Amino acid sequence: QEHVLTGGHGLMVNGYDPVIKALSRDLDVHLNHRVTKIIQRYNKVIVCVEDGTSFVADAAIITVPLGVLKANIIKFEPELPDWKLSAISDLGVGLENKIALRFNTIFWPNVEVLGRVAQTSNACGYFLNLHKATGHPVLVCMVAGRFAYEMEKLSDEESVNFVMSQLRRMLPGATEPVQYLVSRWGTDPNSLGSYSCDLVGKPADLYERFCARVGNLFFAGEAACIDHSGSVHGAYSSGIDAAEDCRRRLSTQLGISDLFQVGKIVMREEMTEVMVPLQISRL
């Protein structure tokens, strides 16, 4: 069965699964390991998992969503410093849900976006036309603002019925969808929100403080990208930056210089320890 998903500003019929599979090739990925505590001790990082398992590494790159950090689901020992906690607290988390609708026929114009303006936020919104970009008969309703929170209280069928009523106000001949998917990023325990956002009156250095390392803990993700927060490419680029920062620090700690040069691993005789950076994310 084909799944229809969208994310960020890139529209893909199979979601981001192909990207994740490509990036995770040849990596040792442990799924369904819910992290509960991260301990820094004796220049090591100990990651504790819900089932009692623990992992020990020289460093950890933390890429869990900002909403998860805000909820204090993962405990840190010792506690994160005040400057890091205030950055986590003062960055905002926005919510934008998506209702992907697949149809048997195309009944809408060949435009990128179908938008509706109304007096209440519940009646406002827009539909992305995936047919124009992918050739598949799919519209994606983008639900933001207060209604994004209210929609998460509805069933999938109720959500679809509501957005279809809005679509038929624009296109009376709209047919029923043959398949649909509804996101609930606000209540998903692995996200607790969609994207980071700036809040009025908060300091300008929040993103710099959020992505700054704490000992051997490095932070990445869309909220850690200063120039492209709220985007998939921002999350990816911040991960590259954190990995490079981690490599440099471990190279210094372990007495290894220029471990990687021009994409090649340079092995040195004095290399007596194995660098083990551990990435913590929610998949």
Protein backbone atom coordinates (compact mmCIF):
# COMPACT_ATOMS: atom_id res chain seq x y z
CA GLN A 1 0.00 0.00 0.00
CA GLU A 2 1.40 3.35 -0.99
CA HIS A 3 1.63 5.93 1.75
CA VAL A 4 1.30 9.61 1.00
CA LEU A 5 3.20 11.97 3.24
CA THR A 6 4.76 15.40 3.03
CA GLY A 7 7.30 17.19 5.14
CA GLY A 8 9.21 20.46 5.27
CA HIS A 9 9.25 22.21 1.92
CA GLY A 10 10.05 19.02 -0.02
CA LEU A 11 7.06 17.06 -1.30
CA MET A 12 7.51 13.34 -1.73
CA VAL A 13 4.98 10.58 -2.35
CA ASN A 14 6.76 8.02 -0.17
CA GLY A 15 7.56 10.41 2.66
CA TYR A 16 11.13 10.68 3.87
CA ASP A 17 11.59 6.94 4.20
CA PRO A 18 13.87 6.71 1.11
CA VAL A 19 16.05 9.52 2.49
CA ILE A 20 16.32 7.88 5.92
CA LYS A 21 17.20 4.53 4.37
CA ALA A 22 19.89 6.09 2.21
CA LEU A 23 21.47 8.07 5.06
CA SER A 24 21.34 5.14 7.49
CA ARG A 25 22.98 2.65 5.16
CA ASP A 26 25.85 0.78 6.88
CA LEU A 27 25.00 2.38 10.25
CA ASP A 28 24.13 0.49 13.42
CA VAL A 29 20.69 1.93 14.13
CA HIS A 30 18.73 0.78 17.20
CA LEU A 31 15.00 1.39 16.77
CA ASN A 32 12.45 1.45 19.61
CA HIS A 33 15.04 2.47 22.18
CA ARG A 34 13.39 5.29 24.12
CA VAL A 35 16.09 7.27 25.92
CA THR A 36 15.28 8.27 29.51
CA LYS A 37 18.58 9.60 30.87
CA ILE A 38 21.94 10.87 29.59
CA ILE A 39 24.86 10.84 32.04
CA GLN A 40 28.23 12.54 31.58
CA ARG A 41 30.89 10.90 33.73
CA TYR A 42 34.68 10.44 33.50
CA ASN A 43 34.85 11.84 29.94
CA LYS A 44 32.24 9.32 28.84
CA VAL A 45 28.57 9.57 27.98
CA ILE A 46 26.15 6.94 29.29
CA VAL A 47 22.81 6.75 27.53
CA CYS A 48 20.08 4.97 29.50
CA VAL A 49 17.10 3.44 27.72
CA GLU A 50 13.60 2.77 29.00
CA ASP A 51 14.05 -1.01 29.10
CA GLY A 52 17.12 -0.71 31.35
CA THR A 53 19.71 -1.01 28.60
CA SER A 54 22.56 1.49 28.59
CA PHE A 55 25.15 2.52 26.01
CA VAL A 56 28.56 4.01 26.75
CA ALA A 57 30.29 6.30 24.26
CA ASP A 58 32.96 8.96 24.08
CA ALA A 59 30.36 11.51 22.94
CA ALA A 60 26.72 11.82 21.98
CA ILE A 61 24.97 13.91 19.34
CA ILE A 62 21.45 14.74 20.51
CA THR A 63 18.96 15.30 17.71
CA VAL A 64 15.62 14.80 19.47
CA PRO A 65 13.01 17.45 18.59
CA LEU A 66 12.91 20.66 20.59
CA GLY A 67 9.46 19.74 21.92
CA VAL A 68 10.88 16.59 23.52
CA LEU A 69 13.65 18.57 25.23
CA LYS A 70 11.13 21.14 26.44
CA ALA A 71 9.00 18.39 28.00
CA ASN A 72 12.01 17.23 30.04
CA ILE A 73 11.35 13.65 29.02
CA ILE A 74 15.09 12.94 28.91
CA LYS A 75 16.89 13.61 32.20
CA PHE A 76 20.48 14.88 32.15
CA GLU A 77 23.05 14.10 34.83
CA PRO A 78 24.51 16.51 35.70
CA GLU A 79 21.70 18.85 34.75
CA LEU A 80 22.27 21.01 31.69
CA PRO A 81 23.67 24.48 32.50
CA ASP A 82 21.32 27.44 32.86
CA TRP A 83 22.39 29.00 29.55
CA LYS A 84 21.38 25.82 27.71
CA LEU A 85 18.14 25.35 29.65
CA SER A 86 17.10 28.96 28.95
CA ALA A 87 17.76 28.47 25.23
CA ILE A 88 15.55 25.36 25.22
CA SER A 89 12.87 27.21 27.19
CA ASP A 90 12.89 30.45 25.18
CA LEU A 91 12.80 28.91 21.70
CA GLY A 92 9.24 28.46 20.50
CA VAL A 93 7.69 25.33 19.03
CA GLY A 94 5.06 25.79 16.37
CA LEU A 95 2.47 23.31 15.18
CA GLU A 96 1.44 22.64 11.60
CA ASN A 97 -0.45 19.47 10.81
CA LYS A 98 -1.08 17.97 7.42
CA ILE A 99 -3.94 16.01 5.97
CA ALA A 100 -2.88 14.20 2.81
CA LEU A 101 -5.79 13.32 0.49
CA ARG A 102 -5.48 10.96 -2.46
CA PHE A 103 -8.18 11.00 -5.14
CA ASN A 104 -9.08 8.89 -8.14
CA THR A 105 -9.42 11.90 -10.44
CA ILE A 106 -8.02 15.40 -10.77
CA PHE A 107 -10.72 18.02 -10.27
CA TRP A 108 -8.58 21.02 -9.32
CA PRO A 109 -6.66 23.57 -11.44
CA ASN A 110 -3.00 23.05 -12.28
CA VAL A 111 -1.65 25.46 -9.66
CA GLU A 112 0.80 24.91 -6.80
CA VAL A 113 -1.47 26.08 -3.98
CA LEU A 114 -5.23 26.35 -3.42
CA GLY A 115 -5.86 28.87 -0.64
CA ARG A 116 -8.88 30.14 1.25
CA VAL A 117 -9.21 33.34 3.27
CA ALA A 118 -11.98 33.61 5.87
CA GLN A 119 -12.93 35.48 9.04
CA THR A 120 -11.95 32.65 11.41
CA SER A 121 -8.69 30.68 11.59
CA ASN A 122 -10.57 27.39 11.36
CA ALA A 123 -11.82 28.30 7.89
CA CYS A 124 -8.47 29.61 6.64
CA GLY A 125 -5.81 27.44 5.13
CA TYR A 126 -4.43 26.10 1.91
CA PHE A 127 -3.97 22.90 -0.03
CA LEU A 128 -0.69 21.93 -1.64
CA ASN A 129 -1.09 20.37 -5.07
CA LEU A 130 1.24 17.36 -5.21
CA HIS A 131 -0.05 16.45 -8.66
CA LYS A 132 1.79 19.38 -10.16
CA ALA A 133 5.08 18.25 -8.61
CA THR A 134 4.77 14.44 -8.63
CA GLY A 135 2.00 13.48 -11.05
CA HIS A 136 0.02 11.80 -8.25
CA PRO A 137 -3.61 12.87 -7.59
CA VAL A 138 -2.89 14.19 -4.11
CA LEU A 139 -3.79 17.36 -2.23
CA VAL A 140 -2.31 18.13 1.18
CA CYS A 141 -4.23 20.40 3.51
CA MET A 142 -1.88 22.45 5.70
CA VAL A 143 -3.44 23.19 9.10
CA ALA A 144 -1.73 25.72 11.36
CA GLY A 145 -2.51 28.10 14.21
CA ARG A 146 -5.09 27.37 16.86
CA PHE A 147 -6.95 24.95 14.59
CA ALA A 148 -3.88 22.70 14.37
CA TYR A 149 -4.25 22.05 18.09
CA GLU A 150 -8.02 21.66 17.91
CA MET A 151 -7.77 19.24 15.00
CA GLU A 152 -5.68 16.80 17.04
CA LYS A 153 -8.74 16.22 19.23
CA LEU A 154 -10.73 15.02 16.21
CA SER A 155 -10.72 11.57 14.67
CA ASP A 156 -9.14 11.08 11.26
CA GLU A 157 -12.60 10.86 9.67
CA GLU A 158 -13.78 14.07 11.35
CA SER A 159 -10.64 15.92 10.25
CA VAL A 160 -11.02 14.74 6.66
CA ASN A 161 -14.71 15.63 6.59
CA PHE A 162 -13.97 19.15 7.81
CA VAL A 163 -11.20 19.92 5.30
CA MET A 164 -13.29 18.39 2.50
CA SER A 165 -16.12 20.77 3.41
CA GLN A 166 -13.63 23.64 3.05
CA LEU A 167 -12.34 22.27 -0.25
CA ARG A 168 -15.89 21.99 -1.64
CA ARG A 169 -16.47 25.67 -0.87
CA MET A 170 -13.76 26.39 -3.41
CA LEU A 171 -14.42 23.44 -5.72
CA PRO A 172 -18.04 22.20 -5.48
CA GLY A 173 -17.25 19.23 -7.72
CA ALA A 174 -14.65 17.78 -5.36
CA THR A 175 -14.88 13.99 -5.05
CA GLU A 176 -14.32 11.89 -1.97
CA PRO A 177 -10.72 10.87 -1.26
CA VAL A 178 -9.85 7.20 -1.66
CA GLN A 179 -7.03 7.38 0.87
CA TYR A 180 -5.88 9.84 3.52
CA LEU A 181 -3.28 10.33 6.24
CA VAL A 182 -3.57 12.75 9.16
CA SER A 183 -0.61 13.99 11.23
CA ARG A 184 -0.72 14.86 14.91
CA TRP A 185 2.73 16.26 15.61
CA GLY A 186 1.62 18.12 18.73
CA THR A 187 0.60 15.01 20.67
CA ASP A 188 3.10 12.59 19.12
CA PRO A 189 5.43 11.77 22.06
CA ASN A 190 8.36 11.55 19.64
CA SER A 191 7.94 15.14 18.41
CA LEU A 192 5.60 17.24 20.62
CA GLY A 193 5.47 19.94 17.96
CA SER A 194 6.39 20.59 14.36
CA TYR A 195 9.09 23.25 14.04
CA SER A 196 11.05 25.64 16.19
CA CYS A 197 10.18 29.32 15.88
CA ASP A 198 11.23 32.70 17.20
CA LEU A 199 9.18 34.25 19.99
CA VAL A 200 8.66 37.98 20.44
CA GLY A 201 10.99 39.63 22.93
CA LYS A 202 13.43 36.74 23.32
CA PRO A 203 17.24 37.12 22.96
CA ALA A 204 18.82 36.93 19.52
CA ASP A 205 21.43 34.33 20.47
CA LEU A 206 19.04 31.48 21.27
CA TYR A 207 19.96 29.34 18.28
CA GLU A 208 23.69 29.76 18.96
CA ARG A 209 23.20 28.66 22.57
CA PHE A 210 20.91 25.79 21.62
CA CYS A 211 23.41 24.24 19.20
CA ALA A 212 26.45 24.81 21.46
CA ARG A 213 27.96 21.68 22.97
CA VAL A 214 27.89 20.85 26.68
CA GLY A 215 30.98 18.81 27.49
CA ASN A 216 30.83 15.83 25.16
CA LEU A 217 27.16 16.38 24.34
CA PHE A 218 26.52 17.89 20.92
CA PHE A 219 23.15 19.18 19.70
CA ALA A 220 21.71 19.03 16.20
CA GLY A 221 18.34 19.17 14.46
CA GLU A 222 16.31 21.87 12.77
CA ALA A 223 16.24 23.98 15.96
CA ALA A 224 20.04 23.93 16.01
CA CYS A 225 20.36 25.44 12.53
CA ILE A 226 20.75 29.20 12.72
CA ASP A 227 20.07 29.96 9.05
CA HIS A 228 17.53 27.28 8.11
CA SER A 229 15.56 26.39 11.23
CA GLY A 230 12.22 24.70 10.65
CA SER A 231 13.42 22.80 7.59
CA VAL A 232 14.71 19.35 6.72
CA HIS A 233 17.82 20.70 5.02
CA GLY A 234 18.46 22.77 8.15
CA ALA A 235 18.29 19.64 10.30
CA TYR A 236 20.63 17.82 7.93
CA SER A 237 23.21 20.61 7.78
CA SER A 238 23.19 21.01 11.57
CA GLY A 239 23.88 17.29 11.88
CA ILE A 240 26.89 17.61 9.59
CA ASP A 241 28.18 20.55 11.66
CA ALA A 242 27.69 18.69 14.95
CA ALA A 243 29.44 15.60 13.61
CA GLU A 244 32.42 17.68 12.50
CA ASP A 245 32.54 19.48 15.85
CA CYS A 246 32.40 16.11 17.60
CA ARG A 247 35.19 14.73 15.41
CA ARG A 248 37.46 17.67 16.18
CA ARG A 249 36.88 17.46 19.93
CA LEU A 250 37.41 13.71 20.15
CA SER A 251 40.51 13.99 17.99
CA THR A 252 41.94 16.47 20.48
CA GLN A 253 40.89 14.44 23.53
CA LEU A 254 42.29 11.18 22.19
CA GLY A 255 45.47 12.74 20.84
CA ILE A 256 44.64 12.10 17.23
CA SER A 257 45.14 14.85 14.67
CA ASP A 258 43.69 15.04 11.19
CA LEU A 259 41.79 11.78 11.61
CA PHE A 260 39.80 12.50 8.48
CA GLN A 261 41.33 14.22 5.49
CA VAL A 262 39.52 14.88 2.22
CA GLY A 263 36.96 12.20 2.91
CA LYS A 264 39.57 9.51 3.70
CA ILE A 265 40.36 7.93 7.05
CA VAL A 266 43.99 8.48 8.02
CA MET A 267 45.16 5.76 10.40
CA ARG A 268 48.05 6.66 12.69
CA GLU A 269 50.30 4.39 14.74
CA GLU A 270 49.57 6.32 17.95
CA MET A 271 45.85 5.62 17.61
CA THR A 272 45.11 3.44 20.64
CA GLU A 273 41.42 4.18 21.23
CA VAL A 274 38.37 4.02 19.04
CA MET A 275 36.27 7.14 18.79
CA VAL A 276 32.64 6.29 19.45
CA PRO A 277 30.20 9.16 18.90
CA LEU A 278 26.61 8.17 19.58
CA GLN A 279 23.66 9.87 17.94
CA ILE A 280 20.43 10.12 19.91
CA SER A 281 17.32 10.77 17.86
CA ARG A 282 13.67 9.78 17.75
CA LEU A 283 12.83 7.48 14.84
